[in-house]
Amino acid sequence: MDIKERFIRWFKLRFAILYPFGVLAVLFGNSDDDSIMAGIWFIIVGLLIRLWANGYAVKMEKLTVSGPYAFVRHPLYLGTMFLMVGFIIMLRFYYIGIFFISVMSIVYYKTIKKEEMWLEDIFKQKYRNYKRNVPAILPRIMPYRGSEKWPFSFKRLMRSKEYKVLFWMVIVIIAFHLKGEFVIEHETMDAKMWTLVIVAFILGILDLWGEFLRQRNKRIKTNVVT
């Protein structure tokens, strides 16, 4: 993602709400062992849903009805909602969190409506049938059988860069855990805490290295074409 794309992304309504909430969480959010254990299960479910979905998603090329898309039309948004609930529980932002989830639900509702207009314009009756049989957010029990199916693709998952979300979720959880132990509880740095710091550092380096390789390959391809 280049600077221009990042700038455009910052001014999308849902990110204009998410980023200030993130800053608020960094400044005032506190967790303890109990809140982390309570919230982390929602975060794990959210990450698994997003990873599962990105292994099937073929955006705008074909109508994706495989994997989680056979149960719910917008599994990525469903996964994101689980992530948000998990972090609200973990940071004990209950009242602010309820307000935040309510606002984001309205934003996602409008975003879904807009996206579905595009999809219906592209896929016509095929999407209308899918929309009629598969719920938007709350999954159906039995998978949708209509339209073309294809298997999970690890290559497709890597192209989606969803691993970056996984890396940074782990880093953020470690950061809040260390904040609770080191800053709030005034615990001394022990072997466990240093191990967590090293894990977070390695994940950050892996993310930066992956982005470097992606940009390098992009430049190579551009030079070959020109």
Foldseek 3Di string as FASTA:
>chain_A
DDPVVVVVVCPQVLNVLVVVVVVVCVVQFAAEPVLLVVLVVLLVQLLVLLLQVLLQDDPPPDQTQEGCNQWAVCSNVLSVLSNLSSVCSRRVVVVVSVVSSVVVVVSVVVVVVVVLVVVCVRVPPQSVVSPVPHHHHHTDDDGHDDDDHDDGHPVSSVVVVSVLVVLVVLLVSLVNHCCNQCVVVVHDDDPVNVVSVVSNVVSVVVSVVVVVVVVVVVVVVVVVVD
